[in-house]
C-alpha atoms as a PDB file:
ATOM      1  CA  UNK A   1      78.612 134.612 -26.327  1.00  0.00           C
ATOM      2  CA  UNK A   2      80.348 133.668 -23.250  1.00  0.00           C
ATOM      3  CA  UNK A   3      81.666 137.461 -23.003  1.00  0.00           C
ATOM      4  CA  UNK A   4      77.839 138.616 -23.166  1.00  0.00           C
ATOM      5  CA  UNK A   5      76.974 136.161 -20.526  1.00  0.00           C
ATOM      6  CA  UNK A   6      79.704 137.081 -18.244  1.00  0.00           C
ATOM      7  CA  UNK A   7      79.118 140.813 -18.765  1.00  0.00           C
ATOM      8  CA  UNK A   8      75.304 140.354 -18.068  1.00  0.00           C
ATOM      9  CA  UNK A   9      76.065 138.377 -14.752  1.00  0.00           C
ATOM     10  CA  UNK A  10      78.598 141.277 -13.673  1.00  0.00           C
ATOM     11  CA  UNK A  11      75.628 143.752 -14.332  1.00  0.00           C
ATOM     12  CA  UNK A  12      73.048 141.511 -12.439  1.00  0.00           C
ATOM     13  CA  UNK A  13      75.485 141.177  -9.472  1.00  0.00           C
ATOM     14  CA  UNK A  14      76.208 144.933  -9.198  1.00  0.00           C
ATOM     15  CA  UNK A  15      72.667 146.217  -9.654  1.00  0.00           C
ATOM     16  CA  UNK A  16      71.252 143.839  -7.105  1.00  0.00           C
ATOM     17  CA  UNK A  17      73.996 145.032  -4.609  1.00  0.00           C
ATOM     18  CA  UNK A  18      73.414 148.736  -5.445  1.00  0.00           C
ATOM     19  CA  UNK A  19      69.637 148.239  -5.001  1.00  0.00           C
ATOM     20  CA  UNK A  20      70.083 146.440  -1.481  1.00  0.00           C
ATOM     21  CA  UNK A  21      72.762 149.117  -0.272  1.00  0.00           C
ATOM     22  CA  UNK A  22      70.077 151.489   0.777  1.00  0.00           C
ATOM     23  CA  UNK A  23      67.611 149.075   2.289  1.00  0.00           C
ATOM     24  CA  UNK A  24      67.452 146.528   5.017  1.00  0.00           C
ATOM     25  CA  UNK A  25      65.963 143.400   4.109  1.00  0.00           C
ATOM     26  CA  UNK A  26      65.114 142.531   7.892  1.00  0.00           C
ATOM     27  CA  UNK A  27      61.571 143.419   8.781  1.00  0.00           C
ATOM     28  CA  UNK A  28      61.226 146.147  11.237  1.00  0.00           C
ATOM     29  CA  UNK A  29      59.195 145.554  14.433  1.00  0.00           C
ATOM     30  CA  UNK A  30      56.739 148.188  14.721  1.00  0.00           C
ATOM     31  CA  UNK A  31      56.267 149.536  18.365  1.00  0.00           C
ATOM     32  CA  UNK A  32      52.919 148.938  19.768  1.00  0.00           C
ATOM     33  CA  UNK A  33      51.106 151.827  21.509  1.00  0.00           C
ATOM     34  CA  UNK A  34      51.813 150.201  24.956  1.00  0.00           C
ATOM     35  CA  UNK A  35      55.341 150.064  24.189  1.00  0.00           C
ATOM     36  CA  UNK A  36      55.543 153.679  23.067  1.00  0.00           C
ATOM     37  CA  UNK A  37      53.729 154.736  26.151  1.00  0.00           C
ATOM     38  CA  UNK A  38      56.236 152.820  28.470  1.00  0.00           C
ATOM     39  CA  UNK A  39      59.013 154.831  26.835  1.00  0.00           C
ATOM     40  CA  UNK A  40      57.221 158.013  27.562  1.00  0.00           C
ATOM     41  CA  UNK A  41      56.698 156.774  31.093  1.00  0.00           C
ATOM     42  CA  UNK A  42      60.353 156.277  31.640  1.00  0.00           C
ATOM     43  CA  UNK A  43      61.338 159.527  30.084  1.00  0.00           C
ATOM     44  CA  UNK A  44      58.740 161.447  32.285  1.00  0.00           C
ATOM     45  CA  UNK A  45      60.277 159.854  35.546  1.00  0.00           C
ATOM     46  CA  UNK A  46      63.846 160.939  34.472  1.00  0.00           C
ATOM     47  CA  UNK A  47      62.422 164.568  33.746  1.00  0.00           C
ATOM     48  CA  UNK A  48      60.787 164.417  37.356  1.00  0.00           C
ATOM     49  CA  UNK A  49      64.108 163.169  38.938  1.00  0.00           C
ATOM     50  CA  UNK A  50      65.790 166.414  37.334  1.00  0.00           C
ATOM     51  CA  UNK A  51      62.988 168.699  38.255  1.00  0.00           C
ATOM     52  CA  UNK A  52      61.734 169.332  34.993  1.00  0.00           C
ATOM     53  CA  UNK A  53      58.130 168.855  35.929  1.00  0.00           C
ATOM     54  CA  UNK A  54      56.413 170.418  33.007  1.00  0.00           C
ATOM     55  CA  UNK A  55      58.362 168.294  30.477  1.00  0.00           C
ATOM     56  CA  UNK A  56      57.516 165.158  32.683  1.00  0.00           C
ATOM     57  CA  UNK A  57      53.824 166.309  32.612  1.00  0.00           C
ATOM     58  CA  UNK A  58      53.850 166.472  28.943  1.00  0.00           C
ATOM     59  CA  UNK A  59      55.423 162.725  28.590  1.00  0.00           C
ATOM     60  CA  UNK A  60      52.795 161.429  31.005  1.00  0.00           C
ATOM     61  CA  UNK A  61      50.119 163.128  28.864  1.00  0.00           C
ATOM     62  CA  UNK A  62      51.498 161.374  25.841  1.00  0.00           C
ATOM     63  CA  UNK A  63      51.910 157.978  27.493  1.00  0.00           C
ATOM     64  CA  UNK A  64      48.182 158.285  28.918  1.00  0.00           C
ATOM     65  CA  UNK A  65      46.766 159.004  25.257  1.00  0.00           C
ATOM     66  CA  UNK A  66      48.848 155.970  23.912  1.00  0.00           C
ATOM     67  CA  UNK A  67      47.543 153.671  26.780  1.00  0.00           C
ATOM     68  CA  UNK A  68      44.081 154.704  26.088  1.00  0.00           C
ATOM     69  CA  UNK A  69      44.437 153.637  22.607  1.00  0.00           C
ATOM     70  CA  UNK A  70      46.030 150.524  23.593  1.00  0.00           C
ATOM     71  CA  UNK A  71      43.327 149.652  26.108  1.00  0.00           C
ATOM     72  CA  UNK A  72      40.710 150.178  23.401  1.00  0.00           C
ATOM     73  CA  UNK A  73      42.558 147.835  20.944  1.00  0.00           C
ATOM     74  CA  UNK A  74      43.333 145.292  23.635  1.00  0.00           C
ATOM     75  CA  UNK A  75      41.096 145.760  26.902  1.00  0.00           C
ATOM     76  CA  UNK A  76      41.789 144.064  30.088  1.00  0.00           C
ATOM     77  CA  UNK A  77      45.476 143.925  30.144  1.00  0.00           C
ATOM     78  CA  UNK A  78      46.780 144.171  33.666  1.00  0.00           C
ATOM     79  CA  UNK A  79      50.109 145.981  32.551  1.00  0.00           C
ATOM     80  CA  UNK A  80      48.222 148.432  30.462  1.00  0.00           C
ATOM     81  CA  UNK A  81      45.772 149.215  33.372  1.00  0.00           C
ATOM     82  CA  UNK A  82      48.788 149.781  35.759  1.00  0.00           C
ATOM     83  CA  UNK A  83      50.309 152.136  33.659  1.00  0.00           C
ATOM     84  CA  UNK A  84      47.039 153.986  33.029  1.00  0.00           C
ATOM     85  CA  UNK A  85      46.284 154.180  36.762  1.00  0.00           C
ATOM     86  CA  UNK A  86      50.077 155.416  37.078  1.00  0.00           C
ATOM     87  CA  UNK A  87      50.026 158.261  34.527  1.00  0.00           C
ATOM     88  CA  UNK A  88      46.309 159.222  35.462  1.00  0.00           C
ATOM     89  CA  UNK A  89      47.659 159.565  39.022  1.00  0.00           C
ATOM     90  CA  UNK A  90      50.706 161.595  38.060  1.00  0.00           C
ATOM     91  CA  UNK A  91      48.561 163.841  36.072  1.00  0.00           C
ATOM     92  CA  UNK A  92      46.513 164.625  39.392  1.00  0.00           C
ATOM     93  CA  UNK A  93      43.470 162.502  38.979  1.00  0.00           C
ATOM     94  CA  UNK A  94      43.541 160.119  41.856  1.00  0.00           C
ATOM     95  CA  UNK A  95      39.947 158.945  41.490  1.00  0.00           C
ATOM     96  CA  UNK A  96      40.388 157.680  38.019  1.00  0.00           C
ATOM     97  CA  UNK A  97      43.908 156.407  38.551  1.00  0.00           C
ATOM     98  CA  UNK A  98      42.482 154.304  41.306  1.00  0.00           C
ATOM     99  CA  UNK A  99      39.769 153.006  39.132  1.00  0.00           C
ATOM    100  CA  UNK A 100      42.299 151.764  36.667  1.00  0.00           C
ATOM    101  CA  UNK A 101      44.232 150.134  39.413  1.00  0.00           C
ATOM    102  CA  UNK A 102      41.327 148.277  40.668  1.00  0.00           C
ATOM    103  CA  UNK A 103      40.343 147.105  37.070  1.00  0.00           C
ATOM    104  CA  UNK A 104      43.848 145.779  36.807  1.00  0.00           C
ATOM    105  CA  UNK A 105      43.630 144.075  40.200  1.00  0.00           C
ATOM    106  CA  UNK A 106      40.306 142.464  39.076  1.00  0.00           C
ATOM    107  CA  UNK A 107      42.140 140.710  36.324  1.00  0.00           C
ATOM    108  CA  UNK A 108      45.370 139.972  38.133  1.00  0.00           C
ATOM    109  CA  UNK A 109      45.148 140.266  42.127  1.00  0.00           C
ATOM    110  CA  UNK A 110      48.681 139.652  42.717  1.00  0.00           C
ATOM    111  CA  UNK A 111      50.079 142.215  40.323  1.00  0.00           C
ATOM    112  CA  UNK A 112      53.141 143.612  41.837  1.00  0.00           C
ATOM    113  CA  UNK A 113      53.341 147.111  40.282  1.00  0.00           C
ATOM    114  CA  UNK A 114      49.646 147.821  40.629  1.00  0.00           C
ATOM    115  CA  UNK A 115      49.605 146.827  44.318  1.00  0.00           C
ATOM    116  CA  UNK A 116      52.676 148.882  45.036  1.00  0.00           C
ATOM    117  CA  UNK A 117      51.304 151.936  43.081  1.00  0.00           C
ATOM    118  CA  UNK A 118      47.729 151.531  44.566  1.00  0.00           C
ATOM    119  CA  UNK A 119      49.218 151.275  47.902  1.00  0.00           C
ATOM    120  CA  UNK A 120      51.028 154.607  47.331  1.00  0.00           C
ATOM    121  CA  UNK A 121      48.001 156.264  46.108  1.00  0.00           C
ATOM    122  CA  UNK A 122      46.275 155.215  49.317  1.00  0.00           C
ATOM    123  CA  UNK A 123      49.073 156.816  51.345  1.00  0.00           C
ATOM    124  CA  UNK A 124      48.662 159.961  49.341  1.00  0.00           C
ATOM    125  CA  UNK A 125      44.996 160.145  49.821  1.00  0.00           C
ATOM    126  CA  UNK A 126      45.323 159.223  53.654  1.00  0.00           C
ATOM    127  CA  UNK A 127      43.868 155.873  53.417  1.00  0.00           C
ATOM    128  CA  UNK A 128      46.487 153.959  55.451  1.00  0.00           C
ATOM    129  CA  UNK A 129      44.388 150.894  56.193  1.00  0.00           C
ATOM    130  CA  UNK A 130      44.077 150.273  52.545  1.00  0.00           C
ATOM    131  CA  UNK A 131      47.617 150.850  51.894  1.00  0.00           C
ATOM    132  CA  UNK A 132      48.615 148.216  54.354  1.00  0.00           C
ATOM    133  CA  UNK A 133      46.154 145.758  52.485  1.00  0.00           C
ATOM    134  CA  UNK A 134      48.124 146.381  49.513  1.00  0.00           C
ATOM    135  CA  UNK A 135      51.497 145.901  51.554  1.00  0.00           C
ATOM    136  CA  UNK A 136      50.026 142.619  52.802  1.00  0.00           C
ATOM    137  CA  UNK A 137      49.431 141.324  49.314  1.00  0.00           C
ATOM    138  CA  UNK A 138      53.121 141.941  48.499  1.00  0.00           C
ATOM    139  CA  UNK A 139      54.466 140.403  51.813  1.00  0.00           C
ATOM    140  CA  UNK A 140      55.462 137.065  50.013  1.00  0.00           C
ATOM    141  CA  UNK A 141      56.668 138.637  46.704  1.00  0.00           C
ATOM    142  CA  UNK A 142      60.371 138.837  47.810  1.00  0.00           C
ATOM    143  CA  UNK A 143      60.576 142.282  45.834  1.00  0.00           C
ATOM    144  CA  UNK A 144      61.707 145.719  46.232  1.00  0.00           C
ATOM    145  CA  UNK A 145      58.242 146.858  45.736  1.00  0.00           C
ATOM    146  CA  UNK A 146      57.260 145.487  49.148  1.00  0.00           C
ATOM    147  CA  UNK A 147      60.187 147.352  50.762  1.00  0.00           C
ATOM    148  CA  UNK A 148      59.509 150.568  48.879  1.00  0.00           C
ATOM    149  CA  UNK A 149      55.777 150.720  49.983  1.00  0.00           C
ATOM    150  CA  UNK A 150      56.456 149.491  53.562  1.00  0.00           C
ATOM    151  CA  UNK A 151      58.933 152.510  53.834  1.00  0.00           C
ATOM    152  CA  UNK A 152      56.456 154.943  52.220  1.00  0.00           C
ATOM    153  CA  UNK A 153      53.684 153.571  54.707  1.00  0.00           C
ATOM    154  CA  UNK A 154      56.022 153.898  57.904  1.00  0.00           C
ATOM    155  CA  UNK A 155      56.959 157.447  56.653  1.00  0.00           C
ATOM    156  CA  UNK A 156      60.752 156.781  56.381  1.00  0.00           C
ATOM    157  CA  UNK A 157      60.703 157.296  52.526  1.00  0.00           C
ATOM    158  CA  UNK A 158      58.863 159.655  50.283  1.00  0.00           C
ATOM    159  CA  UNK A 159      57.320 158.120  47.194  1.00  0.00           C
ATOM    160  CA  UNK A 160      59.356 158.540  44.220  1.00  0.00           C
ATOM    161  CA  UNK A 161      56.241 158.637  42.075  1.00  0.00           C
END
């Protein structure tokens, strides 16, 4: 009787270990559309730095699609609108890029990323007075975005984006 119980316990022990060997019991976090989009944007920026513009464009397009889905699911998120503005601008649609940035600023007027990128868009579209307004908003942020935009406005630096 003891031998049968012992054998059964050994069987249960090995069977449970064998079943758990191929699976991880910790739940996997599913990435949101926003998180996937940010990954694509970062990859696109790297491709741009390497001069691989067609690959960068494809990544921006993928990111934009994911950001649109994210914005449908969770509208009025300043960070999502910032990246929507950014990807749209990177794909050459300055008018709609500006609209996304302005929607984001309506939600969060002091958003550092939006103010910098919108300022860069204004420089690119030769609206320096509006670019300087964005710089003024960033004046007290004590952040690199202020210096980046300032140098772009002054013409001492070309926009990375």
